[in-house]
Protein backbone atom coordinates (compact mmCIF):
# COMPACT_ATOMS: atom_id res chain seq x y z
CA MET A 1 -28.37 3.71 -2.42
CA GLN A 2 -25.35 5.81 -3.32
CA THR A 3 -22.51 4.22 -5.28
CA GLU A 4 -18.97 4.37 -3.99
CA SER A 5 -16.77 6.98 -5.66
CA TYR A 6 -13.39 6.18 -7.20
CA HIS A 7 -11.69 8.02 -4.33
CA GLU A 8 -13.68 6.11 -1.69
CA LYS A 9 -12.97 2.77 -3.35
CA LEU A 10 -9.25 3.46 -3.64
CA LYS A 11 -9.02 4.69 -0.06
CA ARG A 12 -10.94 1.59 1.16
CA GLU A 13 -8.59 -0.72 -0.74
CA MET A 14 -5.56 1.10 0.65
CA ASP A 15 -6.98 0.79 4.16
CA ASN A 16 -7.54 -2.94 3.62
CA TYR A 17 -3.96 -3.22 2.35
CA ALA A 18 -2.52 -1.50 5.42
CA HIS A 19 -4.53 -3.79 7.71
CA LEU A 20 -3.44 -6.83 5.70
CA ILE A 21 0.21 -5.86 6.14
CA TYR A 22 -0.24 -5.35 9.87
CA GLY A 23 -1.92 -8.74 10.16
CA LEU A 24 0.76 -10.54 8.17
CA THR A 25 3.65 -8.90 10.00
CA SER A 26 2.22 -9.80 13.41
CA LYS A 27 3.42 -13.36 12.71
CA TYR A 28 7.02 -12.46 11.77
CA PRO A 29 9.94 -13.57 13.93
CA LYS A 30 10.67 -11.33 16.93
CA GLU A 31 14.14 -10.50 15.60
CA GLU A 32 12.50 -8.72 12.63
CA ILE A 33 10.41 -6.32 14.75
CA TYR A 34 12.84 -3.42 14.19
CA GLY A 35 13.79 -4.53 10.68
CA ILE A 36 11.42 -5.71 8.00
CA VAL A 37 8.30 -5.51 10.20
CA SER A 38 8.88 -1.87 11.00
CA GLN A 39 9.75 -1.02 7.39
CA LEU A 40 6.77 -2.88 5.94
CA ARG A 41 4.33 -1.28 8.35
CA ARG A 42 5.66 2.24 7.75
CA ALA A 43 5.58 1.78 3.98
CA GLY A 44 2.12 0.18 4.10
CA LEU A 45 0.71 3.12 6.04
CA SER A 46 2.57 5.54 3.79
CA VAL A 47 0.53 4.29 0.82
CA VAL A 48 -2.76 5.46 2.31
CA LEU A 49 -1.40 8.42 4.29
CA ASN A 50 0.30 10.06 1.30
CA TYR A 51 -2.74 9.41 -0.87
CA THR A 52 -4.98 11.02 1.74
CA GLU A 53 -2.73 14.03 2.21
CA GLY A 54 -2.35 14.49 -1.54
CA TYR A 55 -6.10 14.25 -2.06
CA ALA A 56 -6.55 17.15 0.36
CA ARG A 57 -4.20 19.35 -1.69
CA LYS A 58 -5.79 21.66 -4.24
CA ARG A 59 -2.88 22.08 -6.67
CA ASP A 60 -2.42 19.36 -9.27
CA LYS A 61 1.40 19.28 -9.11
CA VAL A 62 1.40 18.90 -5.34
CA HIS A 63 -1.36 16.29 -5.50
CA LYS A 64 0.55 14.35 -8.14
CA ASN A 65 3.72 14.42 -6.02
CA PHE A 66 1.86 12.78 -3.12
CA LEU A 67 0.39 10.19 -5.50
CA GLU A 68 3.92 9.37 -6.69
CA ILE A 69 5.13 8.96 -3.11
CA SER A 70 2.15 6.72 -2.37
CA TYR A 71 2.91 4.64 -5.48
CA GLY A 72 6.58 4.35 -4.51
CA SER A 73 5.65 3.15 -1.03
CA LEU A 74 3.31 0.59 -2.57
CA LYS A 75 6.14 -0.78 -4.73
CA GLU A 76 8.38 -0.90 -1.66
CA THR A 77 5.82 -2.99 0.23
CA LEU A 78 5.39 -5.36 -2.70
CA TYR A 79 9.12 -6.02 -2.80
CA LEU A 80 9.28 -6.52 0.97
CA LEU A 81 6.36 -8.93 0.83
CA HIS A 82 8.09 -10.89 -1.94
CA PHE A 83 11.27 -10.95 0.15
CA SER A 84 9.18 -12.13 3.11
CA MET A 85 7.74 -14.98 1.07
CA ILE A 86 11.23 -16.10 -0.01
CA GLU A 87 12.35 -15.97 3.64
CA LYS A 88 9.22 -17.98 4.56
CA TYR A 89 7.83 -15.27 6.85
CA ILE A 90 4.57 -15.40 4.86
CA SER A 91 2.98 -18.09 2.72
CA SER A 92 2.75 -17.90 -1.04
CA GLU A 93 -1.06 -17.68 -0.64
CA ASP A 94 -0.74 -14.62 1.61
CA TYR A 95 1.75 -13.10 -0.82
CA LYS A 96 -0.62 -13.67 -3.76
CA LYS A 97 -3.49 -12.08 -1.83
CA ALA A 98 -1.37 -9.02 -1.02
CA LEU A 99 -0.03 -8.85 -4.58
CA LYS A 100 -3.53 -8.91 -6.06
CA LEU A 101 -4.69 -6.08 -3.81
CA GLY A 102 -1.43 -4.16 -4.34
CA ASP A 103 -1.70 -4.48 -8.12
CA SER A 104 -5.28 -3.17 -8.00
CA ILE A 105 -4.21 -0.17 -5.91
CA GLY A 106 -1.20 0.42 -8.17
CA GLY A 107 -3.36 0.46 -11.27
CA MET A 108 -5.76 2.95 -9.73
CA LEU A 109 -2.92 5.21 -8.55
CA TRP A 110 -1.19 5.04 -11.93
CA GLY A 111 -4.40 6.03 -13.67
CA MET A 112 -4.80 9.04 -11.41
CA MET A 113 -1.19 10.12 -11.95
CA LYS A 114 -1.60 9.91 -15.74
CA ASN A 115 -4.71 12.07 -15.59
CA LEU A 116 -3.14 14.91 -13.57
């Protein structure tokens, strides 16, 4: 049995994070569909999409730039999820679950950025 690589693990966690955001935002009020829902979903997908695009690049500076964009999008989602909890769009339990996964992803991204 082959073990999962760092890249595969990070990409899997990012994928889980994007799906978590989509699931959580499906319960938001209808008036937020073009506001916070749209922004959260775009930023959530941006985490994994920029990571994936950057991983495909062969130059370290370009790769690092995409990692930084991915990290910035992650931080954006974490703020929006906190805002959503305060506004009672999501529960504190859902926020904590997202925060735990987001912090794990952030730590992995930060480590990669430091090593490039």
